[in-house]
N, C-alpha and C. Protein backbone atom coordinates (compact mmCIF):
# COMPACT_ATOMS: atom_id res chain seq x y z
N MET A 1 0.84 -1.18 0.00
CA MET A 1 0.00 0.00 0.00
C MET A 1 0.89 1.25 0.00
N ALA A 2 0.50 2.23 -0.77
CA ALA A 2 1.27 3.47 -0.86
C ALA A 2 1.13 4.26 0.43
N HIS A 3 2.15 5.01 0.75
CA HIS A 3 2.14 5.81 1.97
C HIS A 3 1.22 7.02 1.80
N PHE A 4 0.55 7.41 2.88
CA PHE A 4 -0.39 8.54 2.89
C PHE A 4 0.25 9.81 2.36
N ASN A 5 1.50 10.06 2.71
CA ASN A 5 2.17 11.30 2.29
C ASN A 5 2.33 11.37 0.77
N ARG A 6 2.36 10.23 0.10
CA ARG A 6 2.49 10.23 -1.35
C ARG A 6 1.13 10.35 -2.04
N LEU A 7 0.05 9.99 -1.34
CA LEU A 7 -1.28 10.01 -1.93
C LEU A 7 -1.95 11.37 -1.88
N VAL A 8 -1.63 12.15 -0.86
CA VAL A 8 -2.35 13.41 -0.63
C VAL A 8 -1.51 14.59 -1.09
N PRO A 9 -2.00 15.33 -2.10
CA PRO A 9 -1.28 16.54 -2.48
C PRO A 9 -1.44 17.59 -1.40
N ARG A 10 -0.35 18.20 -0.98
CA ARG A 10 -0.45 19.17 0.10
C ARG A 10 0.69 20.18 0.01
N ARG A 11 0.47 21.28 0.70
CA ARG A 11 1.50 22.30 0.85
C ARG A 11 1.79 22.42 2.34
N ALA A 12 2.99 22.83 2.63
CA ALA A 12 3.34 23.04 4.04
C ALA A 12 2.51 24.19 4.60
N ALA A 13 2.01 24.01 5.81
CA ALA A 13 1.22 25.06 6.46
C ALA A 13 2.09 25.95 7.33
N GLY A 14 3.27 25.49 7.66
CA GLY A 14 4.17 26.26 8.49
C GLY A 14 5.55 25.64 8.51
N HIS A 15 6.43 26.21 9.29
CA HIS A 15 7.80 25.71 9.39
C HIS A 15 8.21 25.70 10.85
N LEU A 16 8.93 24.66 11.22
CA LEU A 16 9.47 24.54 12.57
C LEU A 16 10.98 24.60 12.45
N GLU A 17 11.59 25.53 13.18
CA GLU A 17 13.03 25.69 13.11
C GLU A 17 13.61 25.39 14.49
N THR A 18 14.55 24.47 14.54
CA THR A 18 15.20 24.13 15.80
C THR A 18 16.67 24.51 15.72
N THR A 19 17.25 24.80 16.87
CA THR A 19 18.68 25.08 16.93
C THR A 19 19.30 24.18 17.99
N HIS A 20 20.53 23.81 17.76
CA HIS A 20 21.26 22.97 18.69
C HIS A 20 21.94 23.86 19.73
N LEU A 21 22.01 23.39 20.95
CA LEU A 21 22.62 24.18 22.02
C LEU A 21 24.13 24.31 21.88
N ASP A 22 24.78 23.28 21.35
CA ASP A 22 26.24 23.29 21.32
C ASP A 22 26.84 24.02 20.11
N ASP A 23 26.03 24.31 19.08
CA ASP A 23 26.53 25.06 17.94
C ASP A 23 25.39 25.87 17.32
N ASP A 24 25.68 26.60 16.28
CA ASP A 24 24.66 27.44 15.66
C ASP A 24 23.86 26.72 14.58
N LYS A 25 24.14 25.44 14.37
CA LYS A 25 23.42 24.69 13.36
C LYS A 25 22.03 24.31 13.86
N GLY A 26 21.13 24.12 12.94
CA GLY A 26 19.79 23.74 13.31
C GLY A 26 19.10 22.99 12.20
N ASP A 27 17.86 22.65 12.43
CA ASP A 27 17.06 21.93 11.44
C ASP A 27 15.79 22.71 11.17
N VAL A 28 15.28 22.57 9.96
CA VAL A 28 14.02 23.20 9.58
C VAL A 28 13.10 22.10 9.07
N PHE A 29 11.88 22.06 9.59
CA PHE A 29 10.90 21.07 9.20
C PHE A 29 9.64 21.77 8.71
N ASP A 30 9.01 21.21 7.67
CA ASP A 30 7.71 21.69 7.24
C ASP A 30 6.65 21.09 8.16
N THR A 31 5.59 21.84 8.43
CA THR A 31 4.50 21.33 9.26
C THR A 31 3.21 21.33 8.45
N LEU A 32 2.27 20.50 8.89
CA LEU A 32 0.93 20.47 8.33
C LEU A 32 -0.02 21.00 9.38
N GLN A 33 -1.18 21.49 8.95
CA GLN A 33 -2.18 22.02 9.88
C GLN A 33 -3.49 21.28 9.66
N CYS A 34 -4.12 20.87 10.75
CA CYS A 34 -5.41 20.19 10.68
C CYS A 34 -6.46 21.16 10.15
N ALA A 35 -7.24 20.71 9.18
CA ALA A 35 -8.27 21.56 8.58
C ALA A 35 -9.43 21.82 9.53
N HIS A 36 -9.55 21.02 10.60
CA HIS A 36 -10.69 21.14 11.50
C HIS A 36 -10.37 21.82 12.83
N CYS A 37 -9.22 21.53 13.43
CA CYS A 37 -8.93 22.13 14.74
C CYS A 37 -7.75 23.11 14.71
N GLY A 38 -6.98 23.12 13.64
CA GLY A 38 -5.87 24.05 13.52
C GLY A 38 -4.56 23.57 14.13
N ALA A 39 -4.51 22.33 14.62
CA ALA A 39 -3.29 21.80 15.23
C ALA A 39 -2.20 21.65 14.17
N HIS A 40 -0.95 21.91 14.55
CA HIS A 40 0.19 21.75 13.65
C HIS A 40 0.98 20.52 14.07
N TRP A 41 1.59 19.83 13.11
CA TRP A 41 2.47 18.71 13.40
C TRP A 41 3.47 18.55 12.28
N VAL A 42 4.58 17.90 12.60
CA VAL A 42 5.60 17.58 11.61
C VAL A 42 5.29 16.18 11.10
N PRO A 43 5.01 16.01 9.80
CA PRO A 43 4.72 14.68 9.29
C PRO A 43 5.99 13.83 9.28
N ILE A 44 5.90 12.67 9.91
CA ILE A 44 7.04 11.76 9.97
C ILE A 44 6.59 10.42 9.37
N PRO A 45 7.01 10.12 8.14
CA PRO A 45 6.61 8.86 7.51
C PRO A 45 7.06 7.67 8.35
N GLY A 46 6.16 6.72 8.54
CA GLY A 46 6.48 5.52 9.29
C GLY A 46 6.38 5.67 10.79
N SER A 47 5.85 6.80 11.29
CA SER A 47 5.77 7.02 12.73
C SER A 47 4.65 6.21 13.38
N GLY A 48 3.68 5.76 12.58
CA GLY A 48 2.57 5.01 13.14
C GLY A 48 1.40 5.86 13.57
N ARG A 49 1.53 7.19 13.50
CA ARG A 49 0.43 8.09 13.86
C ARG A 49 -0.63 8.05 12.77
N ALA A 50 -1.86 7.86 13.16
CA ALA A 50 -2.97 7.83 12.20
C ALA A 50 -3.46 9.25 11.96
N ARG A 51 -3.32 9.72 10.76
CA ARG A 51 -3.83 11.03 10.35
C ARG A 51 -4.94 10.77 9.36
N GLY A 52 -5.66 11.80 8.98
CA GLY A 52 -6.75 11.60 8.05
C GLY A 52 -6.81 12.68 6.99
N PHE A 53 -7.83 12.55 6.16
CA PHE A 53 -8.07 13.52 5.10
C PHE A 53 -9.57 13.68 4.98
N CYS A 54 -10.06 14.91 5.01
CA CYS A 54 -11.49 15.20 4.92
C CYS A 54 -11.84 15.45 3.46
N LEU A 55 -12.74 14.64 2.93
CA LEU A 55 -13.15 14.80 1.54
C LEU A 55 -14.11 15.97 1.36
N SER A 56 -14.76 16.40 2.45
CA SER A 56 -15.69 17.53 2.36
C SER A 56 -14.97 18.86 2.17
N CYS A 57 -13.90 19.08 2.92
CA CYS A 57 -13.18 20.35 2.82
C CYS A 57 -11.80 20.21 2.18
N ASP A 58 -11.46 19.01 1.70
CA ASP A 58 -10.18 18.75 1.04
C ASP A 58 -8.99 19.19 1.87
N GLY A 59 -8.95 18.75 3.13
CA GLY A 59 -7.84 19.11 3.99
C GLY A 59 -7.39 17.94 4.84
N VAL A 60 -6.13 17.96 5.26
CA VAL A 60 -5.62 16.91 6.14
C VAL A 60 -6.16 17.15 7.54
N THR A 61 -6.34 16.07 8.30
CA THR A 61 -6.81 16.18 9.67
C THR A 61 -5.82 15.51 10.60
N CYS A 62 -5.86 15.90 11.86
CA CYS A 62 -4.86 15.47 12.83
C CYS A 62 -5.08 14.06 13.35
N GLY A 63 -6.24 13.49 13.15
CA GLY A 63 -6.51 12.13 13.60
C GLY A 63 -7.27 12.05 14.91
N GLN A 64 -7.52 13.16 15.58
CA GLN A 64 -8.31 13.13 16.80
C GLN A 64 -9.76 12.83 16.46
N ARG A 65 -10.47 12.16 17.37
CA ARG A 65 -11.83 11.72 17.09
C ARG A 65 -12.76 12.86 16.64
N PRO A 66 -12.80 14.02 17.32
CA PRO A 66 -13.71 15.08 16.85
C PRO A 66 -13.40 15.55 15.43
N CYS A 67 -12.14 15.56 15.07
CA CYS A 67 -11.75 16.02 13.73
C CYS A 67 -12.07 14.99 12.66
N GLU A 68 -12.13 13.72 13.04
CA GLU A 68 -12.40 12.67 12.08
C GLU A 68 -13.90 12.42 11.91
N THR A 69 -14.72 12.78 12.89
CA THR A 69 -16.14 12.43 12.84
C THR A 69 -17.03 13.54 12.32
N ARG A 70 -16.58 14.79 12.33
CA ARG A 70 -17.42 15.88 11.82
C ARG A 70 -16.55 16.87 11.06
N CYS A 71 -17.15 17.52 10.08
CA CYS A 71 -16.42 18.49 9.28
C CYS A 71 -16.87 19.90 9.65
N VAL A 72 -16.07 20.54 10.47
CA VAL A 72 -16.25 21.95 10.79
C VAL A 72 -14.90 22.60 10.53
N PRO A 73 -14.72 23.19 9.34
CA PRO A 73 -13.42 23.77 9.00
C PRO A 73 -12.97 24.84 9.99
N TYR A 74 -11.67 24.84 10.25
CA TYR A 74 -11.06 25.77 11.19
C TYR A 74 -11.33 27.22 10.79
N GLU A 75 -11.26 27.51 9.51
CA GLU A 75 -11.51 28.88 9.03
C GLU A 75 -12.94 29.32 9.39
N LYS A 76 -13.90 28.42 9.26
CA LYS A 76 -15.29 28.75 9.58
C LYS A 76 -15.45 29.01 11.08
N MET A 77 -14.77 28.22 11.92
CA MET A 77 -14.83 28.42 13.36
C MET A 77 -14.29 29.80 13.72
N ILE A 78 -13.19 30.21 13.08
CA ILE A 78 -12.59 31.52 13.35
C ILE A 78 -13.55 32.64 12.94
N GLU A 79 -14.15 32.50 11.75
CA GLU A 79 -15.08 33.53 11.28
C GLU A 79 -16.29 33.63 12.19
N ASP A 80 -16.82 32.50 12.67
CA ASP A 80 -17.95 32.52 13.60
C ASP A 80 -17.56 33.20 14.92
N ALA A 81 -16.36 32.94 15.40
CA ALA A 81 -15.90 33.55 16.65
C ALA A 81 -15.74 35.06 16.48
N GLU A 82 -15.26 35.48 15.32
CA GLU A 82 -15.10 36.93 15.07
C GLU A 82 -16.44 37.64 15.00
N ARG A 83 -17.45 36.93 14.49
CA ARG A 83 -18.79 37.50 14.41
C ARG A 83 -19.50 37.49 15.77
N GLY A 84 -18.94 36.76 16.71
CA GLY A 84 -19.53 36.70 18.05
C GLY A 84 -20.55 35.59 18.19
N GLY A 85 -20.52 34.59 17.32
CA GLY A 85 -21.48 33.50 17.38
C GLY A 85 -20.88 32.25 17.64
């Protein structure tokens, strides 16, 4: 079976930059953002973490039960909160 990261077209939602304490070198990782709750994570192929993809809003999801069972896009939640509803 093909790996999830190869099946889903995506763009990085953010970047994580780390620095080492003993020198000035560091690492930069691309992050993904859940389309439903806004959580960020670094995708690690073969980690065993179950992530998902919402066909309703065409976005990756973090794998938490609320994000997998209902489609309430993060952008819509933000707009509702700004409107005061």
